[in-house]
Amino acid sequence: MIDMHESIIRRGLKPRVACDLPGRLRMLFPRHALLPDAAKPYLHDVEEILKLLPGVQTVRVNIRIGTVLVLYDPSLCSARHILCWVDLAVDTGMEIAHEMNMDEIRDARDIASFVRQKLWMRLPHRLETEAVNQRRF
């Protein structure tokens, strides 16, 4: 069961597509201001997490207004891949937050490091699954 705190975080980290052109995706996080203060330090890790995705070249994050601009190689990646990756990153972060003992966490970098490690392990499987699903339809 998802508690209220987790629900607020998930809503704050749910992107909306503001502009989608081949090779250029601008995402808007319209509810980013609702995020609890404890979640805001992780917004700085968005750039690094998005750059794990093959094809992503440049990421510009504007935390103040809640936008992320992603420039990517459309032959390796798509806006759909990027949006799925954001959802997977949020899910992974929430899983880790539930798994970790808060006494083990020295700072925000600990959780960010664990999220990157888990995402790195999930990346190949996720892209293969996505490619199979695209071939079916």
N, C-alpha and C. Protein backbone atom coordinates (compact mmCIF):
# COMPACT_ATOMS: atom_id res chain seq x y z
N MET A 1 0.84 -1.18 0.00
CA MET A 1 0.00 0.00 0.00
C MET A 1 0.88 1.25 0.00
N ILE A 2 0.56 2.20 -0.84
CA ILE A 2 1.33 3.43 -0.94
C ILE A 2 0.83 4.41 0.10
N ASP A 3 1.76 4.92 0.92
CA ASP A 3 1.36 5.89 1.92
C ASP A 3 1.27 7.29 1.29
N MET A 4 0.74 8.23 2.05
CA MET A 4 0.51 9.58 1.54
C MET A 4 1.83 10.26 1.14
N HIS A 5 2.87 10.07 1.93
CA HIS A 5 4.17 10.67 1.65
C HIS A 5 4.71 10.19 0.30
N GLU A 6 4.64 8.89 0.08
CA GLU A 6 5.11 8.33 -1.19
C GLU A 6 4.26 8.82 -2.36
N SER A 7 2.97 8.92 -2.15
CA SER A 7 2.08 9.39 -3.20
C SER A 7 2.42 10.83 -3.62
N ILE A 8 2.73 11.67 -2.65
CA ILE A 8 3.09 13.07 -2.95
C ILE A 8 4.39 13.11 -3.73
N ILE A 9 5.36 12.28 -3.33
CA ILE A 9 6.64 12.25 -4.04
C ILE A 9 6.45 11.78 -5.47
N ARG A 10 5.67 10.71 -5.65
CA ARG A 10 5.43 10.19 -7.01
C ARG A 10 4.74 11.24 -7.89
N ARG A 11 3.78 11.97 -7.34
CA ARG A 11 3.10 13.00 -8.13
C ARG A 11 4.03 14.16 -8.46
N GLY A 12 4.90 14.51 -7.53
CA GLY A 12 5.85 15.59 -7.76
C GLY A 12 6.88 15.25 -8.81
N LEU A 13 7.14 13.95 -8.98
CA LEU A 13 8.16 13.50 -9.93
C LEU A 13 7.55 12.91 -11.20
N LYS A 14 6.28 13.15 -11.43
CA LYS A 14 5.62 12.67 -12.65
C LYS A 14 5.71 13.76 -13.72
N PRO A 15 6.45 13.49 -14.79
CA PRO A 15 6.62 14.53 -15.82
C PRO A 15 5.46 14.62 -16.78
N ARG A 16 5.34 15.79 -17.35
CA ARG A 16 4.41 16.04 -18.46
C ARG A 16 5.27 16.53 -19.62
N VAL A 17 4.97 16.09 -20.80
CA VAL A 17 5.74 16.50 -21.98
C VAL A 17 5.31 17.92 -22.36
N ALA A 18 6.27 18.83 -22.33
CA ALA A 18 6.01 20.21 -22.74
C ALA A 18 6.33 20.41 -24.21
N CYS A 19 7.37 19.71 -24.70
CA CYS A 19 7.77 19.81 -26.10
C CYS A 19 8.48 18.52 -26.49
N ASP A 20 8.06 17.93 -27.59
CA ASP A 20 8.66 16.68 -28.05
C ASP A 20 8.98 16.78 -29.54
N LEU A 21 10.25 17.01 -29.82
CA LEU A 21 10.75 17.03 -31.18
C LEU A 21 11.80 15.94 -31.28
N PRO A 22 12.00 15.34 -32.44
CA PRO A 22 13.04 14.30 -32.54
C PRO A 22 14.39 14.83 -32.04
N GLY A 23 14.93 14.18 -31.05
CA GLY A 23 16.21 14.57 -30.49
C GLY A 23 16.15 15.60 -29.39
N ARG A 24 14.93 16.08 -29.09
CA ARG A 24 14.78 17.14 -28.08
C ARG A 24 13.48 16.93 -27.31
N LEU A 25 13.60 16.74 -26.02
CA LEU A 25 12.42 16.54 -25.18
C LEU A 25 12.49 17.50 -24.00
N ARG A 26 11.44 18.29 -23.83
CA ARG A 26 11.33 19.14 -22.64
C ARG A 26 10.21 18.58 -21.78
N MET A 27 10.59 18.22 -20.56
CA MET A 27 9.63 17.70 -19.60
C MET A 27 9.34 18.77 -18.56
N LEU A 28 8.10 18.82 -18.16
CA LEU A 28 7.67 19.74 -17.11
C LEU A 28 7.19 18.89 -15.94
N PHE A 29 7.65 19.24 -14.76
CA PHE A 29 7.21 18.59 -13.54
C PHE A 29 6.31 19.58 -12.81
N PRO A 30 5.01 19.63 -13.19
CA PRO A 30 4.14 20.69 -12.69
C PRO A 30 3.90 20.65 -11.17
N ARG A 31 4.10 19.50 -10.57
CA ARG A 31 3.85 19.39 -9.13
C ARG A 31 5.15 19.32 -8.31
N HIS A 32 6.26 19.76 -8.90
CA HIS A 32 7.54 19.67 -8.20
C HIS A 32 7.56 20.48 -6.90
N ALA A 33 6.78 21.54 -6.85
CA ALA A 33 6.75 22.37 -5.64
C ALA A 33 6.13 21.64 -4.46
N LEU A 34 5.36 20.59 -4.72
CA LEU A 34 4.72 19.82 -3.64
C LEU A 34 5.67 18.84 -2.97
N LEU A 35 6.85 18.63 -3.58
CA LEU A 35 7.79 17.67 -3.02
C LEU A 35 8.22 18.09 -1.62
N PRO A 36 8.31 17.13 -0.70
CA PRO A 36 8.81 17.47 0.63
C PRO A 36 10.27 17.90 0.55
N ASP A 37 10.69 18.70 1.50
CA ASP A 37 12.07 19.19 1.50
C ASP A 37 13.09 18.06 1.47
N ALA A 38 12.75 16.92 2.09
CA ALA A 38 13.68 15.77 2.12
C ALA A 38 13.92 15.19 0.73
N ALA A 39 12.98 15.38 -0.19
CA ALA A 39 13.12 14.81 -1.53
C ALA A 39 13.85 15.75 -2.50
N LYS A 40 13.89 17.02 -2.19
CA LYS A 40 14.45 18.01 -3.13
C LYS A 40 15.94 17.83 -3.44
N PRO A 41 16.78 17.36 -2.50
CA PRO A 41 18.19 17.17 -2.87
C PRO A 41 18.39 16.17 -4.01
N TYR A 42 17.46 15.25 -4.20
CA TYR A 42 17.60 14.23 -5.24
C TYR A 42 17.36 14.79 -6.62
N LEU A 43 16.73 15.95 -6.72
CA LEU A 43 16.49 16.55 -8.02
C LEU A 43 17.80 16.90 -8.72
N HIS A 44 18.86 17.12 -7.95
CA HIS A 44 20.16 17.42 -8.54
C HIS A 44 20.77 16.20 -9.23
N ASP A 45 20.27 15.00 -8.92
CA ASP A 45 20.81 13.78 -9.52
C ASP A 45 20.11 13.42 -10.83
N VAL A 46 19.10 14.18 -11.20
CA VAL A 46 18.33 13.89 -12.41
C VAL A 46 19.24 13.86 -13.64
N GLU A 47 20.13 14.82 -13.75
CA GLU A 47 21.01 14.88 -14.92
C GLU A 47 21.84 13.60 -15.05
N GLU A 48 22.46 13.19 -13.98
CA GLU A 48 23.31 12.00 -14.02
C GLU A 48 22.50 10.73 -14.32
N ILE A 49 21.32 10.63 -13.74
CA ILE A 49 20.47 9.46 -13.94
C ILE A 49 19.99 9.39 -15.39
N LEU A 50 19.60 10.52 -15.96
CA LEU A 50 19.15 10.52 -17.35
C LEU A 50 20.29 10.21 -18.31
N LYS A 51 21.50 10.62 -17.97
CA LYS A 51 22.64 10.36 -18.85
C LYS A 51 23.06 8.90 -18.85
N LEU A 52 22.53 8.09 -17.93
CA LEU A 52 22.80 6.65 -17.98
C LEU A 52 22.13 6.01 -19.20
N LEU A 53 21.07 6.61 -19.68
CA LEU A 53 20.31 6.07 -20.80
C LEU A 53 21.10 6.27 -22.10
N PRO A 54 21.37 5.19 -22.83
CA PRO A 54 22.12 5.32 -24.08
C PRO A 54 21.41 6.28 -25.05
N GLY A 55 22.18 7.17 -25.62
CA GLY A 55 21.64 8.13 -26.58
C GLY A 55 21.41 9.50 -25.98
N VAL A 56 21.27 9.60 -24.67
CA VAL A 56 21.08 10.90 -24.04
C VAL A 56 22.41 11.63 -24.04
N GLN A 57 22.40 12.82 -24.62
CA GLN A 57 23.64 13.58 -24.78
C GLN A 57 23.76 14.72 -23.79
N THR A 58 22.70 15.49 -23.63
CA THR A 58 22.72 16.67 -22.77
C THR A 58 21.44 16.72 -21.96
N VAL A 59 21.59 17.09 -20.70
CA VAL A 59 20.43 17.26 -19.82
C VAL A 59 20.59 18.59 -19.11
N ARG A 60 19.57 19.41 -19.20
CA ARG A 60 19.56 20.69 -18.48
C ARG A 60 18.36 20.70 -17.54
N VAL A 61 18.65 20.82 -16.26
CA VAL A 61 17.61 20.80 -15.24
C VAL A 61 17.44 22.20 -14.69
N ASN A 62 16.20 22.66 -14.64
CA ASN A 62 15.88 23.93 -14.00
C ASN A 62 14.94 23.61 -12.83
N ILE A 63 15.54 23.43 -11.66
CA ILE A 63 14.76 23.04 -10.49
C ILE A 63 13.78 24.13 -10.08
N ARG A 64 14.17 25.37 -10.28
CA ARG A 64 13.31 26.49 -9.85
C ARG A 64 11.94 26.45 -10.52
N ILE A 65 11.91 26.17 -11.83
CA ILE A 65 10.61 26.14 -12.53
C ILE A 65 10.14 24.72 -12.84
N GLY A 66 10.94 23.72 -12.50
CA GLY A 66 10.52 22.33 -12.66
C GLY A 66 10.53 21.81 -14.08
N THR A 67 11.57 22.16 -14.83
CA THR A 67 11.68 21.66 -16.21
C THR A 67 13.00 20.91 -16.40
N VAL A 68 12.97 19.99 -17.35
CA VAL A 68 14.17 19.25 -17.74
C VAL A 68 14.19 19.19 -19.26
N LEU A 69 15.28 19.65 -19.84
CA LEU A 69 15.47 19.58 -21.28
C LEU A 69 16.47 18.46 -21.56
N VAL A 70 16.07 17.53 -22.42
CA VAL A 70 16.93 16.40 -22.75
C VAL A 70 17.19 16.43 -24.26
N LEU A 71 18.46 16.48 -24.62
CA LEU A 71 18.87 16.36 -26.02
C LEU A 71 19.42 14.96 -26.20
N TYR A 72 18.93 14.26 -27.20
CA TYR A 72 19.29 12.85 -27.36
C TYR A 72 19.42 12.49 -28.84
N ASP A 73 20.07 11.36 -29.07
CA ASP A 73 20.23 10.83 -30.42
C ASP A 73 18.99 9.99 -30.73
N PRO A 74 18.13 10.44 -31.64
CA PRO A 74 16.89 9.71 -31.92
C PRO A 74 17.10 8.33 -32.54
N SER A 75 18.31 8.04 -33.01
CA SER A 75 18.56 6.70 -33.54
C SER A 75 18.84 5.69 -32.41
N LEU A 76 19.15 6.18 -31.23
CA LEU A 76 19.43 5.31 -30.09
C LEU A 76 18.36 5.34 -29.01
N CYS A 77 17.54 6.35 -29.02
CA CYS A 77 16.63 6.59 -27.90
C CYS A 77 15.40 7.34 -28.42
N SER A 78 14.38 7.40 -27.62
CA SER A 78 13.18 8.14 -27.99
C SER A 78 12.61 8.83 -26.76
N ALA A 79 11.67 9.73 -26.99
CA ALA A 79 11.02 10.39 -25.86
C ALA A 79 10.32 9.36 -24.98
N ARG A 80 9.77 8.35 -25.60
CA ARG A 80 9.10 7.29 -24.84
C ARG A 80 10.09 6.56 -23.92
N HIS A 81 11.28 6.27 -24.43
CA HIS A 81 12.31 5.63 -23.61
C HIS A 81 12.67 6.52 -22.41
N ILE A 82 12.81 7.80 -22.67
CA ILE A 82 13.20 8.73 -21.61
C ILE A 82 12.12 8.80 -20.54
N LEU A 83 10.86 8.89 -20.96
CA LEU A 83 9.77 8.95 -19.98
C LEU A 83 9.66 7.65 -19.18
N CYS A 84 9.85 6.52 -19.84
CA CYS A 84 9.86 5.24 -19.12
C CYS A 84 11.03 5.18 -18.13
N TRP A 85 12.17 5.74 -18.54
CA TRP A 85 13.35 5.75 -17.68
C TRP A 85 13.09 6.61 -16.43
N VAL A 86 12.41 7.74 -16.60
CA VAL A 86 12.07 8.59 -15.45
C VAL A 86 11.18 7.81 -14.48
N ASP A 87 10.16 7.13 -15.02
CA ASP A 87 9.27 6.33 -14.16
C ASP A 87 10.04 5.22 -13.44
N LEU A 88 10.94 4.56 -14.16
CA LEU A 88 11.74 3.50 -13.56
C LEU A 88 12.66 4.05 -12.47
N ALA A 89 13.24 5.23 -12.70
CA ALA A 89 14.11 5.85 -11.70
C ALA A 89 13.33 6.19 -10.44
N VAL A 90 12.12 6.72 -10.60
CA VAL A 90 11.30 7.04 -9.42
C VAL A 90 10.93 5.76 -8.68
N ASP A 91 10.51 4.74 -9.41
CA ASP A 91 10.18 3.46 -8.77
C ASP A 91 11.38 2.89 -8.02
N THR A 92 12.54 2.95 -8.64
CA THR A 92 13.76 2.42 -8.02
C THR A 92 14.11 3.20 -6.76
N GLY A 93 14.00 4.51 -6.83
CA GLY A 93 14.26 5.33 -5.65
C GLY A 93 13.33 5.02 -4.50
N MET A 94 12.06 4.80 -4.82
CA MET A 94 11.07 4.48 -3.78
C MET A 94 11.36 3.09 -3.19
N GLU A 95 11.72 2.13 -4.04
CA GLU A 95 12.07 0.79 -3.56
C GLU A 95 13.24 0.85 -2.58
N ILE A 96 14.26 1.59 -2.97
CA ILE A 96 15.45 1.69 -2.13
C ILE A 96 15.13 2.40 -0.82
N ALA A 97 14.31 3.43 -0.88
CA ALA A 97 13.93 4.13 0.35
C ALA A 97 13.22 3.18 1.31
N HIS A 98 12.42 2.25 0.78
CA HIS A 98 11.72 1.28 1.64
C HIS A 98 12.68 0.22 2.18
N GLU A 99 13.67 -0.16 1.36
CA GLU A 99 14.59 -1.23 1.74
C GLU A 99 15.65 -0.78 2.74
N MET A 100 16.09 0.46 2.61
CA MET A 100 17.21 0.92 3.43
C MET A 100 16.79 1.24 4.85
N ASN A 101 17.69 0.92 5.74
CA ASN A 101 17.54 1.30 7.12
C ASN A 101 18.02 2.75 7.22
N MET A 102 17.19 3.63 7.73
CA MET A 102 17.54 5.04 7.77
C MET A 102 18.81 5.31 8.57
N ASP A 103 19.17 4.42 9.47
CA ASP A 103 20.41 4.59 10.23
C ASP A 103 21.63 4.37 9.35
N GLU A 104 21.45 3.62 8.23
CA GLU A 104 22.56 3.34 7.33
C GLU A 104 22.86 4.51 6.40
N ILE A 105 21.92 5.42 6.25
CA ILE A 105 22.06 6.52 5.31
C ILE A 105 22.88 7.64 5.95
N ARG A 106 24.04 7.93 5.36
CA ARG A 106 24.88 8.99 5.89
C ARG A 106 24.48 10.34 5.30
N ASP A 107 24.10 10.35 4.06
CA ASP A 107 23.62 11.58 3.43
C ASP A 107 22.84 11.21 2.16
N ALA A 108 22.36 12.21 1.48
CA ALA A 108 21.54 11.99 0.28
C ALA A 108 22.32 11.24 -0.81
N ARG A 109 23.64 11.36 -0.80
CA ARG A 109 24.46 10.69 -1.80
C ARG A 109 24.35 9.17 -1.70
N ASP A 110 24.13 8.64 -0.50
CA ASP A 110 24.00 7.19 -0.35
C ASP A 110 22.84 6.66 -1.18
N ILE A 111 21.67 7.26 -1.03
CA ILE A 111 20.50 6.80 -1.78
C ILE A 111 20.73 7.01 -3.27
N ALA A 112 21.25 8.16 -3.66
CA ALA A 112 21.49 8.44 -5.07
C ALA A 112 22.44 7.41 -5.67
N SER A 113 23.46 7.03 -4.93
CA SER A 113 24.41 6.04 -5.41
C SER A 113 23.74 4.67 -5.59
N PHE A 114 22.93 4.26 -4.62
CA PHE A 114 22.21 2.99 -4.74
C PHE A 114 21.24 3.02 -5.91
N VAL A 115 20.56 4.13 -6.13
CA VAL A 115 19.62 4.24 -7.26
C VAL A 115 20.37 4.08 -8.57
N ARG A 116 21.50 4.77 -8.72
CA ARG A 116 22.28 4.66 -9.96
C ARG A 116 22.74 3.22 -10.20
N GLN A 117 23.19 2.55 -9.14
CA GLN A 117 23.64 1.16 -9.28
C GLN A 117 22.50 0.26 -9.74
N LYS A 118 21.33 0.40 -9.11
CA LYS A 118 20.19 -0.44 -9.50
C LYS A 118 19.72 -0.12 -10.91
N LEU A 119 19.69 1.16 -11.26
CA LEU A 119 19.27 1.54 -12.61
C LEU A 119 20.24 1.00 -13.65
N TRP A 120 21.51 1.06 -13.36
CA TRP A 120 22.50 0.54 -14.30
C TRP A 120 22.25 -0.93 -14.56
N MET A 121 21.91 -1.69 -13.53
CA MET A 121 21.64 -3.12 -13.70
C MET A 121 20.35 -3.36 -14.47
N ARG A 122 19.39 -2.46 -14.37
CA ARG A 122 18.11 -2.64 -15.04
C ARG A 122 18.10 -2.14 -16.48
N LEU A 123 19.04 -1.33 -16.83
CA LEU A 123 19.02 -0.68 -18.14
C LEU A 123 18.97 -1.65 -19.32
N PRO A 124 19.88 -2.60 -19.46
CA PRO A 124 19.83 -3.47 -20.64
C PRO A 124 18.52 -4.25 -20.76
N HIS A 125 18.04 -4.77 -19.67
CA HIS A 125 16.80 -5.53 -19.69
C HIS A 125 15.63 -4.64 -20.11
N ARG A 126 15.58 -3.44 -19.60
CA ARG A 126 14.49 -2.52 -19.91
C ARG A 126 14.48 -2.17 -21.40
N LEU A 127 15.63 -1.89 -21.96
CA LEU A 127 15.67 -1.53 -23.38
C LEU A 127 15.32 -2.71 -24.27
N GLU A 128 15.76 -3.92 -23.90
CA GLU A 128 15.41 -5.11 -24.68
C GLU A 128 13.91 -5.34 -24.65
N THR A 129 13.31 -5.20 -23.47
CA THR A 129 11.86 -5.38 -23.33
C THR A 129 11.12 -4.35 -24.17
N GLU A 130 11.58 -3.11 -24.13
CA GLU A 130 10.95 -2.03 -24.90
C GLU A 130 11.05 -2.32 -26.39
N ALA A 131 12.20 -2.80 -26.87
CA ALA A 131 12.38 -3.10 -28.29
C ALA A 131 11.45 -4.23 -28.72
N VAL A 132 11.30 -5.24 -27.90
CA VAL A 132 10.39 -6.35 -28.22
C VAL A 132 8.95 -5.84 -28.29
N ASN A 133 8.56 -5.01 -27.34
CA ASN A 133 7.20 -4.48 -27.33
C ASN A 133 6.93 -3.61 -28.56
N GLN A 134 7.92 -2.84 -29.01
CA GLN A 134 7.71 -2.00 -30.19
C GLN A 134 7.57 -2.84 -31.45
N ARG A 135 8.27 -3.97 -31.52
CA ARG A 135 8.19 -4.84 -32.70
C ARG A 135 6.82 -5.51 -32.78
N ARG A 136 6.18 -5.75 -31.65
CA ARG A 136 4.88 -6.44 -31.64
C ARG A 136 3.79 -5.57 -32.20
N PHE A 137 3.91 -4.25 -32.05
CA PHE A 137 2.80 -3.37 -32.44
C PHE A 137 3.08 -2.63 -33.70
